[in-house]
Amino acid sequence: MSQNLLPKAFQSLIEAFGKIPGVGARTAERYAYFIWKSDPLVAKKLADSLAELHDSLKLCPKTFALISGDEEACPLYYSTDRDRSQVLVVEEPLDIIAVEKTGGYTGTYHCLGGAISPIDNLMPEQLRVAELMERIKEDEVAEVIIATNASIEGESTAIYLARLIHEKFPKVKTSRLARGIPIGVDLEYADSLTLSQALKGRTDI
């Protein structure tokens, strides 16, 4: 559909949807058309949710998990039921939800905010690596489970973290999720059974 033939408001919505990763031009057009032909209340609810998003959510200062704006920190860190001596490292906040669904992990988390990717100008300095090192020291962590995605970037990040931890904290055990997760599959999309088995069968690195 030619952009020049579309009303400005419709074009703006298409462009907004097009900024979402994985959403191409045709998909953005379909999303925009769906919103337009739906009940106006659907569009209003979507607009209200987007407007409130940044005011209603923030990152936990310890785990960097998503928390509500009125929370001071993530309960998965401060709960007395969680073992702070064990830290599972993930790339993004939604990965934490995937692990929690397994019901088989009782430690704490640390979200890096991505993976090392020189092509995307994402180096260790842009990730929360320094914060992880600080937590290992402060919480007297005994094991760090590296659960970065099974991708080239995820594997590179896992190797980098393992080497850094061995260098700074020789007594801290570092492990990696078992290969039950297919190569190329992001953690948040792995099913609970596969993820649970990968967690149980983690290997030292």
N, C-alpha and C. Protein backbone atom coordinates (compact mmCIF):
# COMPACT_ATOMS: atom_id res chain seq x y z
N MET A 1 0.86 -1.20 0.00
CA MET A 1 0.00 0.00 0.00
C MET A 1 0.89 1.24 0.00
N SER A 2 0.70 2.12 -0.93
CA SER A 2 1.55 3.30 -1.04
C SER A 2 1.30 4.26 0.12
N GLN A 3 2.41 4.65 0.79
CA GLN A 3 2.30 5.56 1.92
C GLN A 3 1.70 6.90 1.50
N ASN A 4 1.95 7.34 0.25
CA ASN A 4 1.46 8.63 -0.21
C ASN A 4 -0.04 8.69 -0.34
N LEU A 5 -0.67 7.52 -0.43
CA LEU A 5 -2.13 7.46 -0.58
C LEU A 5 -2.85 7.37 0.75
N LEU A 6 -2.12 7.33 1.83
CA LEU A 6 -2.73 7.15 3.14
C LEU A 6 -2.83 8.46 3.91
N PRO A 7 -3.88 8.61 4.70
CA PRO A 7 -4.00 9.80 5.56
C PRO A 7 -2.82 9.87 6.53
N LYS A 8 -2.47 11.07 6.93
CA LYS A 8 -1.30 11.28 7.78
C LYS A 8 -1.39 10.50 9.09
N ALA A 9 -2.57 10.48 9.71
CA ALA A 9 -2.72 9.78 10.99
C ALA A 9 -2.45 8.29 10.84
N PHE A 10 -2.90 7.73 9.71
CA PHE A 10 -2.71 6.30 9.45
C PHE A 10 -1.22 6.03 9.18
N GLN A 11 -0.59 6.89 8.43
CA GLN A 11 0.84 6.75 8.15
C GLN A 11 1.66 6.78 9.44
N SER A 12 1.29 7.68 10.33
CA SER A 12 2.02 7.82 11.59
C SER A 12 1.93 6.55 12.43
N LEU A 13 0.74 5.94 12.44
CA LEU A 13 0.55 4.71 13.20
C LEU A 13 1.35 3.57 12.60
N ILE A 14 1.37 3.48 11.27
CA ILE A 14 2.16 2.45 10.59
C ILE A 14 3.63 2.61 10.93
N GLU A 15 4.12 3.83 10.89
CA GLU A 15 5.52 4.10 11.20
C GLU A 15 5.85 3.73 12.65
N ALA A 16 4.89 3.98 13.55
CA ALA A 16 5.10 3.65 14.97
C ALA A 16 5.21 2.14 15.15
N PHE A 17 4.29 1.38 14.53
CA PHE A 17 4.34 -0.08 14.62
C PHE A 17 5.61 -0.61 13.96
N GLY A 18 6.05 0.05 12.89
CA GLY A 18 7.22 -0.40 12.15
C GLY A 18 8.52 -0.30 12.93
N LYS A 19 8.51 0.44 14.02
CA LYS A 19 9.71 0.57 14.85
C LYS A 19 9.88 -0.61 15.80
N ILE A 20 8.86 -1.47 15.89
CA ILE A 20 8.94 -2.64 16.75
C ILE A 20 9.81 -3.70 16.06
N PRO A 21 10.81 -4.27 16.74
CA PRO A 21 11.66 -5.29 16.12
C PRO A 21 10.85 -6.46 15.59
N GLY A 22 11.13 -6.87 14.37
CA GLY A 22 10.44 -8.01 13.78
C GLY A 22 9.15 -7.65 13.05
N VAL A 23 8.74 -6.40 13.11
CA VAL A 23 7.51 -5.97 12.44
C VAL A 23 7.89 -5.25 11.14
N GLY A 24 7.57 -5.89 10.02
CA GLY A 24 7.86 -5.29 8.71
C GLY A 24 6.77 -4.33 8.29
N ALA A 25 6.95 -3.77 7.09
CA ALA A 25 6.02 -2.76 6.59
C ALA A 25 4.60 -3.30 6.45
N ARG A 26 4.46 -4.49 5.85
CA ARG A 26 3.12 -5.06 5.63
C ARG A 26 2.44 -5.39 6.96
N THR A 27 3.20 -5.94 7.90
CA THR A 27 2.63 -6.26 9.22
C THR A 27 2.21 -4.99 9.94
N ALA A 28 3.02 -3.95 9.83
CA ALA A 28 2.68 -2.67 10.46
C ALA A 28 1.39 -2.12 9.87
N GLU A 29 1.21 -2.26 8.57
CA GLU A 29 -0.03 -1.80 7.93
C GLU A 29 -1.23 -2.59 8.44
N ARG A 30 -1.06 -3.90 8.58
CA ARG A 30 -2.17 -4.74 9.08
C ARG A 30 -2.53 -4.38 10.51
N TYR A 31 -1.51 -4.14 11.35
CA TYR A 31 -1.76 -3.75 12.74
C TYR A 31 -2.54 -2.43 12.77
N ALA A 32 -2.10 -1.47 11.98
CA ALA A 32 -2.75 -0.16 11.96
C ALA A 32 -4.20 -0.26 11.49
N TYR A 33 -4.42 -1.08 10.46
CA TYR A 33 -5.78 -1.23 9.93
C TYR A 33 -6.67 -1.93 10.95
N PHE A 34 -6.11 -2.91 11.67
CA PHE A 34 -6.88 -3.62 12.70
C PHE A 34 -7.33 -2.65 13.78
N ILE A 35 -6.42 -1.79 14.23
CA ILE A 35 -6.75 -0.82 15.26
C ILE A 35 -7.84 0.14 14.77
N TRP A 36 -7.73 0.57 13.52
CA TRP A 36 -8.72 1.52 12.98
C TRP A 36 -10.11 0.92 12.87
N LYS A 37 -10.20 -0.33 12.42
CA LYS A 37 -11.52 -0.93 12.21
C LYS A 37 -12.12 -1.52 13.49
N SER A 38 -11.32 -1.61 14.54
CA SER A 38 -11.81 -2.13 15.82
C SER A 38 -12.63 -1.08 16.55
N ASP A 39 -13.28 -1.50 17.61
CA ASP A 39 -14.02 -0.58 18.47
C ASP A 39 -13.05 0.50 18.95
N PRO A 40 -13.44 1.77 18.92
CA PRO A 40 -12.57 2.86 19.38
C PRO A 40 -12.03 2.65 20.80
N LEU A 41 -12.78 1.89 21.61
CA LEU A 41 -12.31 1.62 22.98
C LEU A 41 -11.03 0.79 22.98
N VAL A 42 -10.86 -0.06 21.96
CA VAL A 42 -9.63 -0.86 21.85
C VAL A 42 -8.43 0.05 21.65
N ALA A 43 -8.59 1.02 20.75
CA ALA A 43 -7.52 1.97 20.48
C ALA A 43 -7.24 2.83 21.72
N LYS A 44 -8.29 3.22 22.42
CA LYS A 44 -8.11 4.06 23.61
C LYS A 44 -7.37 3.29 24.71
N LYS A 45 -7.76 2.02 24.88
CA LYS A 45 -7.10 1.21 25.91
C LYS A 45 -5.62 1.02 25.57
N LEU A 46 -5.34 0.78 24.29
CA LEU A 46 -3.95 0.63 23.85
C LEU A 46 -3.17 1.91 24.09
N ALA A 47 -3.78 3.04 23.72
CA ALA A 47 -3.11 4.33 23.90
C ALA A 47 -2.86 4.63 25.38
N ASP A 48 -3.85 4.33 26.22
CA ASP A 48 -3.70 4.57 27.66
C ASP A 48 -2.59 3.69 28.25
N SER A 49 -2.55 2.43 27.80
CA SER A 49 -1.53 1.50 28.31
C SER A 49 -0.13 1.96 27.93
N LEU A 50 0.01 2.42 26.69
CA LEU A 50 1.31 2.91 26.22
C LEU A 50 1.73 4.17 26.97
N ALA A 51 0.75 5.04 27.23
CA ALA A 51 1.04 6.30 27.93
C ALA A 51 1.49 6.06 29.37
N GLU A 52 0.94 5.01 29.99
CA GLU A 52 1.24 4.73 31.40
C GLU A 52 2.48 3.86 31.57
N LEU A 53 2.92 3.24 30.49
CA LEU A 53 3.97 2.21 30.57
C LEU A 53 5.22 2.67 31.31
N HIS A 54 5.81 3.76 30.89
CA HIS A 54 7.08 4.18 31.48
C HIS A 54 6.92 4.73 32.89
N ASP A 55 5.74 5.23 33.22
CA ASP A 55 5.50 5.73 34.57
C ASP A 55 5.16 4.60 35.53
N SER A 56 4.64 3.49 35.00
CA SER A 56 4.16 2.40 35.84
C SER A 56 5.17 1.27 36.01
N LEU A 57 6.22 1.27 35.21
CA LEU A 57 7.24 0.22 35.29
C LEU A 57 8.62 0.81 35.49
N LYS A 58 9.47 0.04 36.15
CA LYS A 58 10.87 0.41 36.28
C LYS A 58 11.68 -0.86 36.51
N LEU A 59 12.99 -0.72 36.59
CA LEU A 59 13.85 -1.88 36.80
C LEU A 59 14.29 -1.96 38.25
N CYS A 60 14.32 -3.17 38.77
CA CYS A 60 14.80 -3.40 40.13
C CYS A 60 16.27 -2.99 40.20
N PRO A 61 16.68 -2.24 41.21
CA PRO A 61 18.06 -1.79 41.31
C PRO A 61 19.06 -2.91 41.61
N LYS A 62 18.56 -4.08 41.99
CA LYS A 62 19.45 -5.21 42.31
C LYS A 62 19.48 -6.24 41.19
N THR A 63 18.29 -6.69 40.76
CA THR A 63 18.22 -7.75 39.75
C THR A 63 18.02 -7.22 38.34
N PHE A 64 17.52 -5.99 38.22
CA PHE A 64 17.17 -5.35 36.95
C PHE A 64 16.01 -6.07 36.26
N ALA A 65 15.18 -6.72 37.08
CA ALA A 65 13.92 -7.29 36.60
C ALA A 65 12.90 -6.17 36.53
N LEU A 66 11.83 -6.37 35.76
CA LEU A 66 10.76 -5.38 35.69
C LEU A 66 9.94 -5.42 36.97
N ILE A 67 9.69 -4.25 37.54
CA ILE A 67 8.84 -4.16 38.73
C ILE A 67 7.90 -2.98 38.57
N SER A 68 6.85 -2.95 39.39
CA SER A 68 5.89 -1.86 39.34
C SER A 68 6.54 -0.59 39.87
N GLY A 69 6.00 0.54 39.42
CA GLY A 69 6.55 1.83 39.81
C GLY A 69 6.51 2.10 41.30
N ASP A 70 5.58 1.43 42.02
CA ASP A 70 5.47 1.66 43.46
C ASP A 70 6.30 0.68 44.29
N GLU A 71 7.02 -0.23 43.62
CA GLU A 71 7.87 -1.18 44.33
C GLU A 71 9.29 -0.65 44.41
N GLU A 72 9.96 -0.92 45.52
CA GLU A 72 11.34 -0.47 45.67
C GLU A 72 12.32 -1.45 45.05
N ALA A 73 11.97 -2.73 45.07
CA ALA A 73 12.86 -3.74 44.51
C ALA A 73 12.07 -5.00 44.20
N CYS A 74 12.69 -5.92 43.50
CA CYS A 74 12.04 -7.16 43.07
C CYS A 74 11.90 -8.14 44.24
N PRO A 75 10.70 -8.66 44.48
CA PRO A 75 10.51 -9.62 45.57
C PRO A 75 11.30 -10.91 45.36
N LEU A 76 11.68 -11.19 44.12
CA LEU A 76 12.48 -12.38 43.84
C LEU A 76 13.91 -12.24 44.36
N TYR A 77 14.24 -11.05 44.82
CA TYR A 77 15.55 -10.84 45.45
C TYR A 77 15.43 -10.74 46.96
N TYR A 78 14.43 -10.00 47.44
CA TYR A 78 14.32 -9.73 48.86
C TYR A 78 13.51 -10.76 49.65
N SER A 79 12.82 -11.66 48.97
CA SER A 79 12.05 -12.68 49.67
C SER A 79 12.97 -13.60 50.47
N THR A 80 12.54 -13.96 51.67
CA THR A 80 13.33 -14.87 52.51
C THR A 80 13.35 -16.28 51.94
N ASP A 81 12.49 -16.54 50.96
CA ASP A 81 12.46 -17.86 50.32
C ASP A 81 13.50 -18.00 49.22
N ARG A 82 14.16 -16.90 48.85
CA ARG A 82 15.13 -16.94 47.76
C ARG A 82 16.56 -17.03 48.31
N ASP A 83 17.36 -17.83 47.64
CA ASP A 83 18.75 -18.05 48.03
C ASP A 83 19.66 -17.07 47.29
N ARG A 84 20.16 -16.07 48.00
CA ARG A 84 20.98 -15.04 47.37
C ARG A 84 22.38 -15.53 46.99
N SER A 85 22.75 -16.70 47.48
CA SER A 85 24.08 -17.22 47.15
C SER A 85 24.11 -17.84 45.75
N GLN A 86 22.94 -17.90 45.11
CA GLN A 86 22.83 -18.46 43.76
C GLN A 86 22.18 -17.42 42.84
N VAL A 87 22.88 -17.07 41.77
CA VAL A 87 22.40 -16.05 40.84
C VAL A 87 22.31 -16.62 39.43
N LEU A 88 21.14 -16.49 38.83
CA LEU A 88 20.94 -16.94 37.46
C LEU A 88 20.95 -15.70 36.56
N VAL A 89 21.87 -15.69 35.62
CA VAL A 89 22.07 -14.53 34.76
C VAL A 89 21.33 -14.70 33.44
N VAL A 90 20.48 -13.73 33.09
CA VAL A 90 19.72 -13.76 31.84
C VAL A 90 19.99 -12.49 31.04
N GLU A 91 19.55 -12.50 29.80
CA GLU A 91 19.76 -11.33 28.95
C GLU A 91 18.70 -10.25 29.19
N GLU A 92 17.43 -10.66 29.20
CA GLU A 92 16.33 -9.69 29.28
C GLU A 92 15.35 -10.06 30.41
N PRO A 93 14.59 -9.08 30.92
CA PRO A 93 13.65 -9.32 32.02
C PRO A 93 12.63 -10.43 31.76
N LEU A 94 12.15 -10.57 30.52
CA LEU A 94 11.14 -11.60 30.24
C LEU A 94 11.71 -13.01 30.39
N ASP A 95 13.03 -13.14 30.31
CA ASP A 95 13.66 -14.45 30.52
C ASP A 95 13.44 -14.93 31.95
N ILE A 96 13.36 -14.00 32.88
CA ILE A 96 13.12 -14.35 34.28
C ILE A 96 11.77 -15.02 34.44
N ILE A 97 10.77 -14.50 33.75
CA ILE A 97 9.42 -15.07 33.82
C ILE A 97 9.44 -16.50 33.31
N ALA A 98 10.17 -16.74 32.22
CA ALA A 98 10.26 -18.09 31.65
C ALA A 98 10.84 -19.07 32.66
N VAL A 99 11.88 -18.67 33.37
CA VAL A 99 12.51 -19.56 34.36
C VAL A 99 11.58 -19.77 35.55
N GLU A 100 10.90 -18.73 36.00
CA GLU A 100 10.00 -18.84 37.15
C GLU A 100 8.86 -19.81 36.88
N LYS A 101 8.44 -19.90 35.63
CA LYS A 101 7.33 -20.81 35.28
C LYS A 101 7.70 -22.27 35.49
N THR A 102 8.99 -22.57 35.53
CA THR A 102 9.41 -23.96 35.75
C THR A 102 9.15 -24.39 37.19
N GLY A 103 9.15 -23.41 38.10
CA GLY A 103 8.93 -23.71 39.51
C GLY A 103 10.09 -24.46 40.15
N GLY A 104 11.21 -24.57 39.45
CA GLY A 104 12.32 -25.36 39.97
C GLY A 104 13.54 -24.57 40.38
N TYR A 105 13.41 -23.24 40.43
CA TYR A 105 14.56 -22.42 40.79
C TYR A 105 14.21 -21.52 41.96
N THR A 106 15.06 -21.51 42.98
CA THR A 106 14.78 -20.73 44.18
C THR A 106 15.87 -19.71 44.49
N GLY A 107 16.80 -19.50 43.55
CA GLY A 107 17.84 -18.50 43.75
C GLY A 107 17.36 -17.13 43.31
N THR A 108 18.29 -16.24 43.04
CA THR A 108 17.96 -14.90 42.58
C THR A 108 18.39 -14.73 41.12
N TYR A 109 18.16 -13.55 40.58
CA TYR A 109 18.42 -13.30 39.16
C TYR A 109 19.28 -12.07 38.96
N HIS A 110 19.84 -12.00 37.76
CA HIS A 110 20.53 -10.79 37.33
C HIS A 110 20.31 -10.64 35.83
N CYS A 111 19.72 -9.53 35.43
CA CYS A 111 19.44 -9.28 34.01
C CYS A 111 20.53 -8.37 33.43
N LEU A 112 21.20 -8.84 32.41
CA LEU A 112 22.30 -8.09 31.80
C LEU A 112 21.82 -6.91 30.96
N GLY A 113 20.63 -7.05 30.39
CA GLY A 113 20.14 -6.01 29.48
C GLY A 113 20.59 -6.24 28.05
N GLY A 114 20.89 -7.50 27.71
CA GLY A 114 21.31 -7.83 26.35
C GLY A 114 22.47 -8.81 26.37
N ALA A 115 23.12 -8.96 25.22
CA ALA A 115 24.27 -9.84 25.09
C ALA A 115 25.36 -9.12 24.31
N ILE A 116 26.59 -9.55 24.50
CA ILE A 116 27.71 -8.92 23.79
C ILE A 116 27.53 -9.11 22.28
N SER A 117 27.52 -8.01 21.56
CA SER A 117 27.32 -8.05 20.11
C SER A 117 28.03 -6.85 19.47
N PRO A 118 29.28 -7.03 19.06
CA PRO A 118 30.03 -5.92 18.46
C PRO A 118 29.32 -5.28 17.26
N ILE A 119 28.61 -6.11 16.48
CA ILE A 119 27.93 -5.57 15.30
C ILE A 119 26.83 -4.59 15.68
N ASP A 120 26.28 -4.75 16.90
CA ASP A 120 25.24 -3.85 17.40
C ASP A 120 25.82 -2.83 18.39
N ASN A 121 27.13 -2.77 18.45
CA ASN A 121 27.82 -1.86 19.37
C ASN A 121 27.47 -2.13 20.83
N LEU A 122 27.21 -3.41 21.14
CA LEU A 122 26.92 -3.80 22.51
C LEU A 122 28.13 -4.53 23.07
N MET A 123 28.88 -3.85 23.90
CA MET A 123 30.07 -4.42 24.53
C MET A 123 29.80 -4.59 26.02
N PRO A 124 30.67 -5.29 26.75
CA PRO A 124 30.46 -5.51 28.19
C PRO A 124 30.17 -4.23 28.96
N GLU A 125 30.78 -3.12 28.51
CA GLU A 125 30.58 -1.85 29.21
C GLU A 125 29.15 -1.36 29.12
N GLN A 126 28.43 -1.77 28.07
CA GLN A 126 27.04 -1.35 27.90
C GLN A 126 26.07 -2.28 28.63
N LEU A 127 26.56 -3.41 29.10
CA LEU A 127 25.72 -4.36 29.82
C LEU A 127 25.95 -4.21 31.33
N ARG A 128 25.14 -4.90 32.13
CA ARG A 128 25.23 -4.78 33.59
C ARG A 128 26.18 -5.83 34.16
N VAL A 129 27.37 -5.86 33.59
CA VAL A 129 28.40 -6.80 34.03
C VAL A 129 29.03 -6.33 35.34
N ALA A 130 29.34 -5.05 35.43
CA ALA A 130 29.94 -4.49 36.65
C ALA A 130 29.01 -4.68 37.84
N GLU A 131 27.70 -4.51 37.61
CA GLU A 131 26.72 -4.69 38.70
C GLU A 131 26.68 -6.15 39.16
N LEU A 132 26.86 -7.07 38.21
CA LEU A 132 26.89 -8.49 38.56
C LEU A 132 28.10 -8.80 39.43
N MET A 133 29.26 -8.26 39.07
CA MET A 133 30.47 -8.48 39.86
C MET A 133 30.29 -7.94 41.28
N GLU A 134 29.63 -6.81 41.40
CA GLU A 134 29.39 -6.21 42.71
C GLU A 134 28.48 -7.09 43.55
N ARG A 135 27.47 -7.64 42.90
CA ARG A 135 26.53 -8.52 43.63
C ARG A 135 27.20 -9.79 44.11
N ILE A 136 28.07 -10.35 43.27
CA ILE A 136 28.78 -11.57 43.66
C ILE A 136 29.57 -11.32 44.94
N LYS A 137 30.17 -10.15 45.02
CA LYS A 137 30.96 -9.79 46.20
C LYS A 137 30.06 -9.50 47.40
N GLU A 138 29.04 -8.67 47.22
CA GLU A 138 28.19 -8.25 48.33
C GLU A 138 27.38 -9.40 48.92
N ASP A 139 26.83 -10.25 48.06
CA ASP A 139 25.96 -11.33 48.52
C ASP A 139 26.70 -12.64 48.78
N GLU A 140 28.03 -12.62 48.66
CA GLU A 140 28.84 -13.82 48.87
C GLU A 140 28.27 -14.98 48.05
N VAL A 141 28.11 -14.72 46.76
CA VAL A 141 27.51 -15.70 45.85
C VAL A 141 28.41 -16.93 45.71
N ALA A 142 27.79 -18.11 45.75
CA ALA A 142 28.53 -19.37 45.63
C ALA A 142 28.46 -19.93 44.21
N GLU A 143 27.34 -19.66 43.51
CA GLU A 143 27.20 -20.17 42.14
C GLU A 143 26.51 -19.14 41.24
N VAL A 144 27.06 -18.97 40.05
CA VAL A 144 26.44 -18.13 39.03
C VAL A 144 26.04 -19.05 37.88
N ILE A 145 24.74 -19.09 37.61
CA ILE A 145 24.22 -19.90 36.50
C ILE A 145 24.02 -18.97 35.31
N ILE A 146 24.76 -19.20 34.26
CA ILE A 146 24.67 -18.32 33.09
C ILE A 146 23.62 -18.88 32.14
N ALA A 147 22.54 -18.12 31.97
CA ALA A 147 21.40 -18.57 31.17
C ALA A 147 21.15 -17.63 30.00
N THR A 148 22.24 -17.19 29.37
CA THR A 148 22.09 -16.37 28.17
C THR A 148 21.56 -17.25 27.05
N ASN A 149 21.01 -16.63 26.02
CA ASN A 149 20.38 -17.39 24.94
C ASN A 149 21.36 -18.27 24.17
N ALA A 150 20.82 -19.31 23.53
CA ALA A 150 21.64 -20.24 22.75
C ALA A 150 21.89 -19.68 21.36
N SER A 151 22.56 -18.54 21.32
CA SER A 151 22.91 -17.87 20.07
C SER A 151 24.40 -17.56 20.11
N ILE A 152 24.93 -17.09 19.00
CA ILE A 152 26.35 -16.73 18.97
C ILE A 152 26.65 -15.66 20.02
N GLU A 153 25.77 -14.66 20.09
CA GLU A 153 25.96 -13.58 21.05
C GLU A 153 25.83 -14.11 22.49
N GLY A 154 24.84 -14.98 22.70
CA GLY A 154 24.64 -15.53 24.03
C GLY A 154 25.81 -16.39 24.48
N GLU A 155 26.33 -17.21 23.56
CA GLU A 155 27.47 -18.05 23.88
C GLU A 155 28.72 -17.22 24.16
N SER A 156 28.93 -16.19 23.36
CA SER A 156 30.09 -15.31 23.57
C SER A 156 30.01 -14.63 24.93
N THR A 157 28.80 -14.20 25.29
CA THR A 157 28.59 -13.54 26.57
C THR A 157 28.85 -14.51 27.72
N ALA A 158 28.39 -15.75 27.58
CA ALA A 158 28.58 -16.77 28.62
C ALA A 158 30.07 -17.03 28.84
N ILE A 159 30.82 -17.17 27.76
CA ILE A 159 32.26 -17.42 27.86
C ILE A 159 32.96 -16.24 28.52
N TYR A 160 32.58 -15.03 28.12
CA TYR A 160 33.19 -13.82 28.69
C TYR A 160 32.93 -13.75 30.20
N LEU A 161 31.67 -13.98 30.60
CA LEU A 161 31.31 -13.90 32.02
C LEU A 161 32.03 -14.97 32.83
N ALA A 162 32.09 -16.18 32.30
CA ALA A 162 32.74 -17.28 33.01
C ALA A 162 34.22 -16.96 33.27
N ARG A 163 34.88 -16.45 32.26
CA ARG A 163 36.31 -16.11 32.40
C ARG A 163 36.50 -14.98 33.41
N LEU A 164 35.63 -13.99 33.35
CA LEU A 164 35.74 -12.86 34.26
C LEU A 164 35.50 -13.29 35.70
N ILE A 165 34.50 -14.12 35.90
CA ILE A 165 34.19 -14.60 37.26
C ILE A 165 35.32 -15.47 37.79
N HIS A 166 35.85 -16.36 36.97
CA HIS A 166 36.97 -17.21 37.40
C HIS A 166 38.18 -16.36 37.79
N GLU A 167 38.36 -15.26 37.08
CA GLU A 167 39.50 -14.37 37.34
C GLU A 167 39.32 -13.59 38.63
N LYS A 168 38.12 -13.05 38.84
CA LYS A 168 37.86 -12.21 40.00
C LYS A 168 37.46 -12.99 41.24
N PHE A 169 36.72 -14.09 41.03
CA PHE A 169 36.21 -14.88 42.16
C PHE A 169 36.47 -16.38 41.89
N PRO A 170 37.70 -16.84 42.08
CA PRO A 170 38.09 -18.22 41.75
C PRO A 170 37.26 -19.30 42.46
N LYS A 171 36.72 -18.97 43.63
CA LYS A 171 35.97 -19.97 44.39
C LYS A 171 34.50 -20.06 43.98
N VAL A 172 34.03 -19.13 43.17
CA VAL A 172 32.63 -19.12 42.76
C VAL A 172 32.42 -20.11 41.60
N LYS A 173 31.44 -20.98 41.77
CA LYS A 173 31.13 -21.95 40.72
C LYS A 173 30.35 -21.25 39.60
N THR A 174 30.71 -21.52 38.36
CA THR A 174 29.94 -20.99 37.23
C THR A 174 29.42 -22.16 36.41
N SER A 175 28.15 -22.10 36.04
CA SER A 175 27.55 -23.18 35.26
C SER A 175 26.71 -22.60 34.13
N ARG A 176 26.38 -23.45 33.18
CA ARG A 176 25.62 -23.05 31.99
C ARG A 176 24.45 -24.01 31.86
N LEU A 177 23.30 -23.52 31.40
CA LEU A 177 22.15 -24.40 31.19
C LEU A 177 22.51 -25.53 30.25
N ALA A 178 21.97 -26.71 30.51
CA ALA A 178 22.22 -27.86 29.66
C ALA A 178 21.68 -27.63 28.26
N ARG A 179 22.09 -28.44 27.30
CA ARG A 179 21.73 -28.23 25.90
C ARG A 179 20.34 -28.74 25.53
N GLY A 180 19.44 -28.74 26.52
CA GLY A 180 18.07 -29.11 26.19
C GLY A 180 17.38 -28.03 25.38
N ILE A 181 17.96 -26.82 25.40
CA ILE A 181 17.40 -25.70 24.66
C ILE A 181 18.03 -25.67 23.28
N PRO A 182 17.23 -25.76 22.21
CA PRO A 182 17.76 -25.77 20.85
C PRO A 182 18.57 -24.52 20.53
N ILE A 183 19.60 -24.68 19.72
CA ILE A 183 20.41 -23.55 19.30
C ILE A 183 19.54 -22.55 18.54
N GLY A 184 19.67 -21.29 18.89
CA GLY A 184 18.92 -20.24 18.21
C GLY A 184 17.61 -19.87 18.86
N VAL A 185 17.21 -20.60 19.92
CA VAL A 185 15.94 -20.31 20.58
C VAL A 185 16.17 -19.43 21.79
N ASP A 186 15.50 -18.28 21.85
CA ASP A 186 15.63 -17.38 22.99
C ASP A 186 14.99 -18.02 24.22
N LEU A 187 15.54 -17.70 25.38
CA LEU A 187 15.09 -18.32 26.62
C LEU A 187 13.60 -18.12 26.87
N GLU A 188 13.09 -16.93 26.57
CA GLU A 188 11.69 -16.62 26.88
C GLU A 188 10.71 -17.46 26.07
N TYR A 189 11.18 -18.09 24.97
CA TYR A 189 10.30 -18.90 24.12
C TYR A 189 10.43 -20.40 24.39
N ALA A 190 11.34 -20.79 25.27
CA ALA A 190 11.51 -22.21 25.59
C ALA A 190 10.36 -22.67 26.48
N ASP A 191 9.87 -23.89 26.26
CA ASP A 191 8.77 -24.39 27.08
C ASP A 191 9.29 -24.73 28.48
N SER A 192 8.38 -24.78 29.45
CA SER A 192 8.76 -24.95 30.85
C SER A 192 9.48 -26.26 31.12
N LEU A 193 9.04 -27.35 30.48
CA LEU A 193 9.65 -28.66 30.71
C LEU A 193 11.10 -28.67 30.22
N THR A 194 11.31 -28.18 28.99
CA THR A 194 12.66 -28.11 28.43
C THR A 194 13.56 -27.24 29.29
N LEU A 195 13.04 -26.10 29.72
CA LEU A 195 13.82 -25.18 30.53
C LEU A 195 14.14 -25.77 31.89
N SER A 196 13.18 -26.49 32.45
CA SER A 196 13.38 -27.12 33.75
C SER A 196 14.49 -28.16 33.68
N GLN A 197 14.47 -28.98 32.62
CA GLN A 197 15.50 -30.00 32.45
C GLN A 197 16.87 -29.37 32.19
N ALA A 198 16.88 -28.27 31.44
CA ALA A 198 18.13 -27.58 31.15
C ALA A 198 18.73 -27.00 32.43
N LEU A 199 17.86 -26.56 33.33
CA LEU A 199 18.31 -25.99 34.60
C LEU A 199 18.89 -27.07 35.50
N LYS A 200 18.21 -28.22 35.55
CA LYS A 200 18.68 -29.32 36.38
C LYS A 200 19.98 -29.92 35.86
N GLY A 201 20.12 -29.94 34.54
CA GLY A 201 21.29 -30.56 33.95
C GLY A 201 22.38 -29.58 33.59
N ARG A 202 22.40 -28.43 34.25
CA ARG A 202 23.40 -27.41 33.93
C ARG A 202 24.81 -27.96 34.14
N THR A 203 25.76 -27.46 33.37
CA THR A 203 27.13 -27.95 33.41
C THR A 203 28.10 -26.84 33.82
N ASP A 204 29.18 -27.22 34.46
CA ASP A 204 30.19 -26.24 34.86
C ASP A 204 30.89 -25.68 33.64
N ILE A 205 31.26 -24.40 33.71
CA ILE A 205 32.05 -23.80 32.63
C ILE A 205 33.21 -23.03 33.24
